[in-house]
Amino acid sequence: MIYRLGIDVGGTNTDAVVLDNKNNLISKAKVPTTEDVTTGILRALVDVLSSNVNPSEIKYAMLGTTHCTNAIVERKNLARVGIIRAGRPATLSVKPLISWPEDLIQAIGGNTHIVSGGHEFDGRELSPLDESEVRRAAEDLNGKGVESVAVSSVFSPVNDNHEIRIAKIVKDMFEEATPISLSHKIGSIGLLERENATILNAAVVKVAERAISSFERVLREKKIDAHLYITQNDGTLMSAEYALRYPILTIASGPANSLRGGAFLSKLKNGIVVDVGGTTTDISALLSGFPRESAVNEEIGGVRTNFRMPDLISIGLGGGSLVEVGEGIEVGPQSVGYKLTEEALIFGGKTLTATDVAVFLKRAKLGDPSRVKLDKKLAERADERIEEMIEEAIDKMKTSGELVPVILVGGGSILLPDRLKGASEIIRPLHFEVANAIGAAIAQVSGEVDRIFSMAGRKRGEILNEGKRMAIEEAVNAGADRVSVEVVDVEEIPLAYLPGNAVRIRAKAAGYLRL
């Protein structure tokens, strides 16, 4: 028998599951997330293997991790980044790192250079690349001890030639192992946002390297010889090698895992998924079995970016949320988090949490209900407040006034009733509490392209096919079996504001793991 291991690290709990080759659940575990993350993963792995699962039969391991997200938000363990932009003289007035939080600039070093180069929207050179400038910039950055390099260029998604030439020069002048992030591989059109995403990617490369190495070490300790994959924020997988190059794609992968797991468990392709954890609730839209992509540029750690992100609403409500009584009832955003089993009333603690309210109202069986001494009206008011918060978020996520199916997942979803305004039905599938880990284990591998093409002298079909082919190649590079890869989405956007009959092509392809 061949098994797959899925692990998802959340802010409160780390979940693990083992599935067989027919996607049947063999074993599951949920343990508190630890401060160092890795210890929590090890404990979850120990628990999930205790159900007579032979470690030697686990051949694939999928990890959804918050390491990179935490590093950016907390400004910890980030690499010193050297930044080179090809855009002189056109972009000198708006330098890299503009509008970045000062503490984040300090965390990555703030070392920037703008060299001559860049392209027009149709691929023509804006100005020739000055390779002597690039060498001087690389020499300066090397002397300042940068650990990772981010390269951007004007309109590089259209013509990546200057970024590739810069990368070659930098590689020759730095140590061979120095990671180099290229913006045309990460973001889409929009220089500053794409550059920001690339710099963040360069900043977390070392974090991803440590996280993946730690996970590999844990697998070896348990005698698991498995192919390792990391979950992306579009609900699909990438190989560990691919993740080391593009760790920024793991940002928001947790909600995407829950969404994919909810879709798999409920057998639905479209709807709203509500994932209630210990600290936060993530509400996202399911579209053809995948996360609906956000139509606006997202901020990560206070930095505006434009790489793909799921359309997501996150609110400060979870099983560990504090319930405070004043002039009204407030639930969250403060939370006891992973200390729920120590501080909640039902577990002998002294803090009134949302979970205590759910147990008091007999919505869940957990801990010792007799420890919760509450006025029933107060408990009902807290419960009404929780419902209002969820219903408001669902309404914001909907694109019309029609009722939609709502899938409840996550251990904290025991807080919610079986009826919610705006929902055509409430689905709480079997194994809902580990939907995120299941989503990681069953995920496919994907690839995406977002490019501007000039249609001058070319046919529409030719350009569409080129976009699809590029997406397929990206999926294969990420670890998909070429035979199984299919194009799952294509978007064609005419750009009337650009001359030359330009068109923006966004294509996504997905396939099964290359076994």
Protein backbone atom coordinates (compact mmCIF):
# COMPACT_ATOMS: atom_id res chain seq x y z
CA MET A 1 0.00 0.00 0.00
CA ILE A 2 1.20 3.52 -0.83
CA TYR A 3 0.25 6.24 1.64
CA ARG A 4 0.31 10.05 1.49
CA LEU A 5 1.03 12.22 4.50
CA GLY A 6 -0.55 15.66 4.75
CA ILE A 7 0.50 18.17 7.42
CA ASP A 8 -0.79 21.72 7.84
CA VAL A 9 0.65 24.13 10.41
CA GLY A 10 -1.86 26.65 11.72
CA GLY A 11 -1.45 29.44 14.23
CA THR A 12 -3.08 27.34 16.98
CA ASN A 13 -2.97 23.71 15.87
CA THR A 14 -0.88 21.49 13.63
CA ASP A 15 -2.93 18.85 11.82
CA ALA A 16 -1.77 15.65 10.17
CA VAL A 17 -3.50 12.96 8.12
CA VAL A 18 -2.53 9.79 6.28
CA LEU A 19 -4.48 8.86 3.13
CA ASP A 20 -4.26 5.72 1.04
CA ASN A 21 -3.98 5.69 -2.77
CA LYS A 22 -7.79 5.90 -3.03
CA ASN A 23 -7.95 8.99 -0.81
CA ASN A 24 -9.42 7.09 2.13
CA LEU A 25 -8.50 8.57 5.52
CA ILE A 26 -6.34 6.09 7.44
CA SER A 27 -5.25 8.22 10.39
CA LYS A 28 -5.55 11.80 11.66
CA ALA A 29 -4.06 13.91 14.45
CA LYS A 30 -4.35 17.43 15.86
CA VAL A 31 -1.78 18.87 18.28
CA PRO A 32 -1.03 22.41 19.50
CA THR A 33 1.37 24.36 17.28
CA THR A 34 4.64 25.03 19.07
CA GLU A 35 6.64 28.24 19.06
CA ASP A 36 9.40 26.65 16.99
CA VAL A 37 6.79 25.02 14.67
CA THR A 38 9.00 21.96 14.02
CA THR A 39 8.32 20.39 17.43
CA GLY A 40 4.58 20.60 16.75
CA ILE A 41 5.09 18.89 13.38
CA LEU A 42 7.03 16.09 15.06
CA ARG A 43 4.31 15.56 17.67
CA ALA A 44 1.59 15.47 15.01
CA LEU A 45 3.64 12.97 13.05
CA VAL A 46 4.10 10.75 16.11
CA ASP A 47 0.34 10.80 16.76
CA VAL A 48 -0.68 10.09 13.18
CA LEU A 49 1.75 7.14 12.94
CA SER A 50 0.40 5.56 16.13
CA SER A 51 -2.59 4.07 14.25
CA ASN A 52 -0.66 1.09 12.85
CA VAL A 53 0.60 3.08 9.86
CA ASN A 54 3.83 1.62 8.50
CA PRO A 55 6.19 4.58 7.92
CA SER A 56 7.91 2.75 5.06
CA GLU A 57 4.65 2.82 3.10
CA ILE A 58 4.40 6.62 3.16
CA LYS A 59 5.82 7.64 -0.21
CA TYR A 60 4.55 11.24 -0.48
CA ALA A 61 4.58 13.97 2.15
CA MET A 62 2.80 17.32 1.71
CA LEU A 63 3.49 20.22 4.05
CA GLY A 64 1.53 23.43 4.49
CA THR A 65 3.67 25.78 6.55
CA THR A 66 3.37 29.23 8.14
CA HIS A 67 7.16 29.67 8.48
CA CYS A 68 7.46 32.29 5.73
CA THR A 69 4.34 34.19 6.76
CA ASN A 70 5.50 34.34 10.38
CA ALA A 71 8.99 35.50 9.39
CA ILE A 72 7.60 38.48 7.44
CA VAL A 73 4.98 39.45 10.01
CA GLU A 74 7.38 39.12 12.96
CA ARG A 75 10.42 40.52 11.07
CA LYS A 76 12.47 37.54 12.24
CA ASN A 77 15.04 35.30 10.53
CA LEU A 78 14.87 37.25 7.25
CA ALA A 79 17.86 37.24 4.89
CA ARG A 80 19.83 40.39 4.10
CA VAL A 81 18.65 41.19 0.57
CA GLY A 82 20.53 42.91 -2.24
CA ILE A 83 18.15 44.60 -4.69
CA ILE A 84 19.00 45.35 -8.33
CA ARG A 85 16.46 47.00 -10.62
CA ALA A 86 16.95 47.53 -14.35
CA GLY A 87 15.14 50.80 -14.90
CA ARG A 88 17.54 53.74 -15.13
CA PRO A 89 16.76 56.51 -15.95
CA ALA A 90 12.99 56.02 -16.26
CA THR A 91 12.32 54.84 -12.69
CA LEU A 92 14.80 56.89 -10.66
CA SER A 93 12.02 59.00 -9.14
CA VAL A 94 10.44 55.97 -7.44
CA LYS A 95 13.10 53.87 -5.77
CA PRO A 96 12.80 50.29 -4.47
CA LEU A 97 11.33 49.77 -0.97
CA ILE A 98 9.21 52.93 -1.21
CA SER A 99 6.33 52.82 1.33
CA TRP A 100 7.83 49.78 3.10
CA PRO A 101 7.59 49.73 6.92
CA GLU A 102 10.88 51.00 8.33
CA ASP A 103 11.39 48.01 10.63
CA LEU A 104 11.05 45.63 7.67
CA ILE A 105 13.58 47.63 5.63
CA GLN A 106 16.02 47.36 8.53
CA ALA A 107 15.37 43.63 8.84
CA ILE A 108 16.42 42.96 5.22
CA GLY A 109 19.21 45.56 5.04
CA GLY A 110 17.77 48.11 2.61
CA ASN A 111 20.56 47.68 0.02
CA THR A 112 19.32 48.85 -3.40
CA HIS A 113 20.72 49.69 -6.85
CA ILE A 114 19.05 50.94 -10.04
CA VAL A 115 20.97 50.22 -13.26
CA SER A 116 20.31 51.21 -16.86
CA GLY A 117 17.90 48.85 -18.58
CA GLY A 118 14.27 47.73 -18.79
CA HIS A 119 11.77 47.29 -21.61
CA GLU A 120 8.64 48.80 -23.10
CA PHE A 121 5.30 46.97 -22.87
CA ASP A 122 5.87 45.37 -26.27
CA GLY A 123 9.33 44.06 -25.46
CA ARG A 124 11.43 46.82 -27.02
CA GLU A 125 14.34 48.06 -24.90
CA LEU A 126 13.58 51.07 -22.76
CA SER A 127 17.33 51.54 -22.49
CA PRO A 128 20.21 49.10 -23.02
CA LEU A 129 21.37 47.09 -20.02
CA ASP A 130 24.66 48.51 -18.70
CA GLU A 131 26.51 45.39 -17.58
CA SER A 132 29.35 47.40 -16.04
CA GLU A 133 26.80 49.05 -13.75
CA VAL A 134 25.45 45.63 -12.83
CA ARG A 135 28.95 44.41 -11.92
CA ARG A 136 29.57 47.46 -9.74
CA ALA A 137 26.22 46.96 -8.02
CA ALA A 138 26.91 43.25 -7.45
CA GLU A 139 30.36 44.04 -6.09
CA ASP A 140 28.90 46.56 -3.65
CA LEU A 141 26.18 44.17 -2.47
CA ASN A 142 28.66 41.33 -2.07
CA GLY A 143 30.85 43.56 0.07
CA LYS A 144 27.87 44.35 2.31
CA GLY A 145 27.30 40.67 3.05
CA VAL A 146 23.90 40.21 1.42
CA GLU A 147 22.60 36.65 1.61
CA SER A 148 20.01 36.76 -1.15
CA VAL A 149 19.51 38.87 -4.29
CA ALA A 150 16.27 40.22 -5.78
CA VAL A 151 16.30 41.28 -9.46
CA SER A 152 13.56 43.30 -11.16
CA SER A 153 13.22 45.06 -14.50
CA VAL A 154 10.62 47.26 -16.17
CA PHE A 155 8.10 45.06 -18.03
CA SER A 156 10.11 41.89 -17.42
CA PRO A 157 6.94 39.72 -17.70
CA VAL A 158 6.97 40.77 -21.36
CA ASN A 159 10.72 40.51 -21.93
CA ASP A 160 12.83 38.80 -19.27
CA ASN A 161 16.17 39.22 -21.08
CA HIS A 162 17.64 41.89 -18.79
CA GLU A 163 16.71 40.05 -15.58
CA ILE A 164 18.31 36.85 -16.87
CA ARG A 165 21.51 38.67 -17.87
CA ILE A 166 21.70 40.40 -14.48
CA ALA A 167 21.21 37.07 -12.72
CA LYS A 168 24.09 35.54 -14.70
CA ILE A 169 26.45 38.38 -13.76
CA VAL A 170 25.41 38.21 -10.09
CA LYS A 171 25.85 34.45 -10.01
CA ASP A 172 29.41 34.77 -11.32
CA MET A 173 30.29 37.32 -8.63
CA PHE A 174 28.61 35.72 -5.60
CA GLU A 175 28.98 32.37 -3.91
CA GLU A 176 27.35 29.65 -5.98
CA ALA A 177 24.69 28.89 -3.33
CA THR A 178 23.45 32.50 -3.12
CA PRO A 179 19.74 32.52 -4.03
CA ILE A 180 18.65 34.89 -6.80
CA SER A 181 14.94 35.82 -7.18
CA LEU A 182 13.73 37.11 -10.56
CA SER A 183 10.58 39.23 -10.64
CA HIS A 184 9.19 37.84 -13.91
CA LYS A 185 8.95 34.45 -12.22
CA ILE A 186 6.93 35.76 -9.28
CA GLY A 187 4.70 38.76 -9.92
CA SER A 188 2.65 40.13 -12.79
CA ILE A 189 2.40 43.54 -14.46
CA GLY A 190 3.12 46.51 -12.20
CA LEU A 191 6.78 47.18 -11.41
CA LEU A 192 6.64 48.22 -7.75
CA GLU A 193 4.25 45.50 -6.57
CA ARG A 194 6.10 42.82 -8.57
CA GLU A 195 9.42 44.08 -7.23
CA ASN A 196 8.05 44.03 -3.67
CA ALA A 197 6.94 40.42 -4.02
CA THR A 198 10.37 39.50 -5.38
CA ILE A 199 12.19 41.19 -2.51
CA LEU A 200 9.98 39.39 0.03
CA ASN A 201 10.67 36.12 -1.79
CA ALA A 202 14.41 36.76 -1.53
CA ALA A 203 14.01 37.62 2.17
CA VAL A 204 12.34 34.31 3.10
CA VAL A 205 14.42 31.92 0.98
CA LYS A 206 16.63 31.07 3.96
CA VAL A 207 13.56 30.60 6.17
CA ALA A 208 12.08 28.15 3.67
CA GLU A 209 15.39 26.32 3.43
CA ARG A 210 15.50 25.82 7.20
CA ALA A 211 11.84 24.80 7.38
CA ILE A 212 12.11 22.25 4.59
CA SER A 213 15.38 20.87 5.99
CA SER A 214 13.74 20.51 9.41
CA PHE A 215 10.77 18.68 7.93
CA GLU A 216 13.07 16.36 5.98
CA ARG A 217 14.98 15.66 9.20
CA VAL A 218 11.74 14.82 11.03
CA LEU A 219 10.75 12.42 8.24
CA ARG A 220 14.14 10.72 8.42
CA GLU A 221 13.82 10.34 12.21
CA LYS A 222 10.57 8.44 11.67
CA LYS A 223 12.12 6.38 8.86
CA ILE A 224 9.86 7.91 6.22
CA ASP A 225 11.42 7.94 2.75
CA ALA A 226 8.96 10.13 0.87
CA HIS A 227 8.89 12.66 -1.95
CA LEU A 228 8.34 16.05 -0.31
CA TYR A 229 5.92 18.68 -1.62
CA ILE A 230 4.95 22.09 -0.24
CA THR A 231 1.46 23.59 -0.58
CA GLN A 232 0.92 26.84 -2.50
CA ASN A 233 -1.63 29.57 -1.93
CA ASP A 234 -3.71 28.49 -4.95
CA GLY A 235 -4.55 25.14 -3.34
CA THR A 236 -1.98 23.13 -5.27
CA LEU A 237 1.47 21.68 -4.63
CA MET A 238 5.01 22.42 -5.65
CA SER A 239 8.09 20.27 -5.24
CA ALA A 240 10.42 21.08 -2.35
CA GLU A 241 13.06 22.19 -4.88
CA TYR A 242 10.57 24.60 -6.51
CA ALA A 243 9.48 25.89 -3.09
CA LEU A 244 13.09 26.73 -2.22
CA ARG A 245 13.16 29.07 -5.24
CA TYR A 246 9.69 30.57 -4.73
CA PRO A 247 8.82 30.35 -1.02
CA ILE A 248 6.62 33.46 -1.25
CA LEU A 249 4.01 31.21 -2.91
CA THR A 250 3.42 29.52 0.46
CA ILE A 251 1.90 32.73 1.88
CA ALA A 252 -1.81 32.09 2.63
CA SER A 253 -1.45 28.40 1.74
CA GLY A 254 -3.23 27.41 4.98
CA PRO A 255 -6.64 28.82 3.99
CA ALA A 256 -6.18 27.38 0.49
CA ASN A 257 -5.54 23.92 2.00
CA SER A 258 -8.71 24.20 4.07
CA LEU A 259 -10.69 25.26 1.03
CA ARG A 260 -9.43 22.35 -1.07
CA GLY A 261 -10.04 19.97 1.83
CA GLY A 262 -13.56 21.32 2.30
CA ALA A 263 -14.27 20.89 -1.42
CA PHE A 264 -12.97 17.31 -1.35
CA LEU A 265 -14.91 16.31 1.77
CA SER A 266 -18.17 17.99 0.72
CA LYS A 267 -17.93 17.00 -2.98
CA LEU A 268 -18.80 20.59 -3.92
CA LYS A 269 -17.05 22.65 -6.59
CA ASN A 270 -18.54 26.05 -5.76
CA GLY A 271 -19.52 27.75 -2.53
CA ILE A 272 -18.13 29.52 0.53
CA VAL A 273 -15.70 27.80 2.89
CA VAL A 274 -15.54 28.98 6.50
CA ASP A 275 -12.41 27.74 8.27
CA VAL A 276 -12.55 28.42 12.01
CA GLY A 277 -9.26 27.92 13.81
CA GLY A 278 -8.18 28.72 17.33
CA THR A 279 -7.35 32.38 16.71
CA THR A 280 -8.85 33.44 13.39
CA THR A 281 -11.57 32.51 10.92
CA ASP A 282 -10.77 32.52 7.21
CA ILE A 283 -13.66 32.86 4.76
CA SER A 284 -12.89 32.11 1.11
CA ALA A 285 -14.73 31.33 -2.09
CA LEU A 286 -14.59 28.00 -3.86
CA LEU A 287 -14.64 28.31 -7.66
CA SER A 288 -14.50 25.14 -9.78
CA GLY A 289 -12.82 23.34 -6.89
CA PHE A 290 -10.03 25.92 -6.43
CA PRO A 291 -9.68 29.15 -4.43
CA ARG A 292 -11.08 32.21 -6.14
CA GLU A 293 -8.14 34.51 -6.83
CA SER A 294 -8.14 38.00 -5.36
CA ALA A 295 -8.75 40.74 -7.92
CA VAL A 296 -6.85 43.36 -5.92
CA ASN A 297 -3.23 43.73 -4.91
CA GLU A 298 -2.62 42.29 -1.45
CA GLU A 299 -0.49 43.57 1.40
CA ILE A 300 1.87 41.17 3.17
CA GLY A 301 3.43 42.44 6.37
CA GLY A 302 2.58 46.01 5.33
CA VAL A 303 4.02 45.61 1.80
CA ARG A 304 1.87 45.89 -1.32
CA THR A 305 2.39 42.99 -3.75
CA ASN A 306 0.77 41.69 -6.94
CA PHE A 307 1.50 37.98 -7.09
CA ARG A 308 -1.43 35.57 -6.97
CA MET A 309 -3.32 35.38 -3.66
CA PRO A 310 -6.63 33.74 -2.74
CA ASP A 311 -9.65 36.00 -2.26
CA LEU A 312 -9.85 35.84 1.50
CA ILE A 313 -11.44 37.54 4.49
CA SER A 314 -9.80 36.86 7.83
CA ILE A 315 -11.45 37.91 11.11
CA GLY A 316 -10.25 37.66 14.69
CA LEU A 317 -12.59 34.89 15.76
CA GLY A 318 -11.62 31.37 16.80
CA GLY A 319 -12.05 28.74 19.45
CA GLY A 320 -9.60 30.53 21.72
CA SER A 321 -11.10 34.02 21.25
CA LEU A 322 -11.65 35.94 24.46
CA VAL A 323 -15.24 36.80 25.38
CA GLU A 324 -15.36 40.17 27.15
CA VAL A 325 -18.41 41.66 28.82
CA GLY A 326 -18.77 45.44 28.99
CA GLU A 327 -21.45 47.71 27.63
CA GLY A 328 -21.83 45.02 25.01
CA ILE A 329 -20.34 41.62 24.25
CA GLU A 330 -17.04 41.47 22.39
CA VAL A 331 -15.59 38.24 20.99
CA GLY A 332 -11.94 38.42 19.86
CA PRO A 333 -9.66 39.45 18.29
CA GLN A 334 -7.55 38.61 21.36
CA SER A 335 -7.13 34.86 21.77
CA VAL A 336 -5.45 32.34 24.04
CA GLY A 337 -4.35 30.57 20.83
CA TYR A 338 -2.54 27.30 21.31
CA LYS A 339 -2.93 27.65 25.11
CA LEU A 340 -6.67 26.92 24.82
CA THR A 341 -6.34 23.59 26.64
CA GLU A 342 -4.64 25.38 29.53
CA GLU A 343 -6.54 28.65 29.87
CA ALA A 344 -10.17 27.96 28.82
CA LEU A 345 -12.67 27.46 31.65
CA ILE A 346 -13.67 23.98 30.49
CA PHE A 347 -10.06 22.84 30.87
CA GLY A 348 -9.60 24.31 34.34
CA GLY A 349 -8.30 27.72 33.27
CA LYS A 350 -9.57 31.17 34.18
CA THR A 351 -10.31 32.71 30.79
CA LEU A 352 -13.77 32.82 29.20
CA THR A 353 -13.39 31.81 25.55
CA ALA A 354 -15.69 31.26 22.60
CA THR A 355 -15.25 27.51 23.07
CA ASP A 356 -16.57 27.79 26.65
CA VAL A 357 -19.70 29.47 25.27
CA ALA A 358 -20.22 26.71 22.67
CA VAL A 359 -19.85 24.00 25.34
CA PHE A 360 -22.18 25.84 27.75
CA LEU A 361 -24.86 26.01 25.02
CA LYS A 362 -24.38 22.26 24.39
CA ARG A 363 -23.19 22.91 20.84
CA ALA A 364 -20.02 20.92 21.55
CA LYS A 365 -18.89 18.21 23.93
CA LEU A 366 -15.48 19.14 25.21
CA GLY A 367 -13.68 19.40 28.55
CA ASP A 368 -15.72 19.81 31.75
CA PRO A 369 -18.93 21.85 31.11
CA SER A 370 -19.55 22.21 34.85
CA ARG A 371 -16.61 24.60 35.09
CA VAL A 372 -18.45 27.20 32.97
CA LYS A 373 -20.57 29.39 35.25
CA LEU A 374 -22.45 31.72 32.90
CA ASP A 375 -25.72 33.57 32.77
CA LYS A 376 -27.67 31.95 29.93
CA LYS A 377 -28.68 35.29 28.39
CA LEU A 378 -25.06 36.43 28.38
CA ALA A 379 -24.00 33.20 26.67
CA GLU A 380 -26.74 33.63 24.06
CA ARG A 381 -25.66 37.23 23.40
CA ALA A 382 -22.06 36.06 22.88
CA ASP A 383 -23.33 33.34 20.55
CA GLU A 384 -25.37 35.90 18.57
CA ARG A 385 -22.27 38.09 18.25
CA ILE A 386 -20.27 35.15 16.85
CA GLU A 387 -23.00 34.42 14.31
CA GLU A 388 -23.17 38.08 13.26
CA MET A 389 -19.42 38.20 12.64
CA ILE A 390 -19.51 35.08 10.45
CA GLU A 391 -22.64 36.10 8.54
CA GLU A 392 -21.21 39.55 7.79
CA ALA A 393 -17.99 37.99 6.44
CA ILE A 394 -19.95 35.51 4.29
CA ASP A 395 -22.00 38.37 2.85
CA LYS A 396 -18.81 40.26 1.93
CA MET A 397 -17.38 37.20 0.17
CA LYS A 398 -20.49 36.61 -1.98
CA THR A 399 -20.70 38.16 -5.44
CA SER A 400 -24.52 38.33 -5.50
CA GLY A 401 -27.48 38.28 -3.13
CA GLU A 402 -28.25 34.65 -3.91
CA LEU A 403 -28.00 32.00 -1.21
CA VAL A 404 -24.88 29.82 -1.48
CA PRO A 405 -23.78 26.58 0.20
CA VAL A 406 -21.44 27.14 3.14
CA ILE A 407 -18.89 24.50 4.14
CA LEU A 408 -17.70 24.63 7.75
CA VAL A 409 -14.23 23.25 8.47
CA GLY A 410 -11.58 23.62 11.15
CA GLY A 411 -11.69 22.53 14.76
CA GLY A 412 -13.22 25.86 15.82
CA SER A 413 -16.28 25.42 13.59
CA ILE A 414 -18.00 23.75 16.56
CA LEU A 415 -18.75 27.36 17.56
CA LEU A 416 -21.21 27.79 14.70
CA PRO A 417 -24.88 26.76 14.40
CA ASP A 418 -26.45 24.65 11.68
CA ARG A 419 -28.15 27.70 10.13
CA LEU A 420 -26.60 30.98 8.97
CA LYS A 421 -28.08 33.92 7.07
CA GLY A 422 -27.03 33.95 3.42
CA ALA A 423 -26.43 30.19 3.30
CA SER A 424 -28.58 27.85 1.22
CA GLU A 425 -27.25 24.99 3.33
CA ILE A 426 -24.64 24.36 5.99
CA ILE A 427 -22.31 21.45 5.34
CA ARG A 428 -20.09 20.17 8.15
CA PRO A 429 -18.40 17.19 6.47
CA LEU A 430 -16.89 14.19 8.19
CA HIS A 431 -13.31 14.92 9.33
CA PHE A 432 -14.00 18.67 9.06
CA GLU A 433 -11.53 19.36 11.87
CA VAL A 434 -8.54 18.25 9.74
CA ALA A 435 -9.76 19.53 6.35
CA ASN A 436 -6.61 21.62 5.94
CA ALA A 437 -4.28 18.61 6.20
CA ILE A 438 -6.55 16.63 3.88
CA GLY A 439 -6.46 19.51 1.40
CA ALA A 440 -2.67 19.34 1.44
CA ALA A 441 -2.64 15.56 0.94
CA ILE A 442 -5.03 15.48 -2.05
CA ALA A 443 -3.78 18.60 -3.85
CA GLN A 444 -2.68 18.69 -7.46
CA VAL A 445 0.34 20.51 -8.88
CA SER A 446 -0.19 23.72 -10.82
CA GLY A 447 1.57 26.33 -12.91
CA GLU A 448 0.54 29.85 -13.92
CA VAL A 449 1.49 32.51 -16.41
CA ASP A 450 0.50 36.19 -16.47
CA ARG A 451 2.04 37.98 -19.46
CA ILE A 452 1.37 40.84 -21.85
CA PHE A 453 1.65 39.99 -25.55
CA SER A 454 1.72 42.31 -28.52
CA MET A 455 -0.64 41.06 -31.23
CA ALA A 456 1.16 42.95 -33.97
CA GLY A 457 1.75 40.45 -36.77
CA ARG A 458 0.39 37.54 -34.69
CA LYS A 459 -2.90 35.66 -34.54
CA ARG A 460 -5.05 35.51 -31.41
CA GLY A 461 -5.06 31.71 -31.32
CA GLU A 462 -1.27 31.61 -31.56
CA ILE A 463 -0.91 33.89 -28.52
CA LEU A 464 -3.48 31.96 -26.47
CA ASN A 465 -1.71 28.69 -27.22
CA GLU A 466 1.63 30.18 -26.20
CA GLY A 467 0.15 31.28 -22.85
CA LYS A 468 -1.31 27.81 -22.26
CA ARG A 469 1.98 26.13 -23.17
CA MET A 470 3.86 28.35 -20.73
CA ALA A 471 1.40 27.49 -17.93
CA ILE A 472 1.78 23.77 -18.65
CA GLU A 473 5.57 24.06 -18.49
CA GLU A 474 5.32 25.85 -15.14
CA ALA A 475 3.16 23.01 -13.78
CA VAL A 476 5.63 20.40 -15.01
CA ASN A 477 8.53 22.34 -13.47
CA ALA A 478 6.64 22.39 -10.16
CA GLY A 479 6.35 18.59 -10.14
CA ALA A 480 3.28 17.65 -12.19
CA ASP A 481 3.09 14.63 -14.47
CA ARG A 482 3.07 16.12 -17.98
CA VAL A 483 0.55 13.56 -19.28
CA SER A 484 -2.03 14.58 -16.64
CA VAL A 485 -1.64 18.35 -16.91
CA GLU A 486 -4.66 20.26 -18.17
CA VAL A 487 -5.30 23.96 -18.60
CA VAL A 488 -7.98 24.78 -16.02
CA ASP A 489 -8.36 28.52 -16.59
CA VAL A 490 -7.54 31.04 -19.31
CA GLU A 491 -8.26 34.75 -19.16
CA GLU A 492 -7.74 37.15 -22.07
CA ILE A 493 -7.73 40.86 -21.24
CA PRO A 494 -7.38 43.39 -24.10
CA LEU A 495 -5.32 46.42 -23.00
CA ALA A 496 -6.86 49.35 -24.82
CA TYR A 497 -4.63 51.87 -23.05
CA LEU A 498 -1.49 50.40 -24.64
CA PRO A 499 -0.63 50.87 -28.32
CA GLY A 500 -0.01 47.97 -30.66
CA ASN A 501 -3.14 45.93 -29.90
CA ALA A 502 -1.72 44.45 -26.69
CA VAL A 503 -3.42 41.69 -24.72
CA ARG A 504 -2.84 40.27 -21.26
CA ILE A 505 -3.03 36.47 -21.01
CA ARG A 506 -3.49 34.73 -17.66
CA ALA A 507 -3.45 30.94 -17.82
CA LYS A 508 -3.39 28.23 -15.18
CA ALA A 509 -2.66 24.53 -15.64
CA ALA A 510 -2.90 21.71 -13.09
CA GLY A 511 -2.06 18.01 -13.02
CA TYR A 512 -1.40 15.08 -10.74
CA LEU A 513 1.86 14.46 -8.95
CA ARG A 514 4.68 13.02 -10.98
CA LEU A 515 4.97 9.61 -9.33
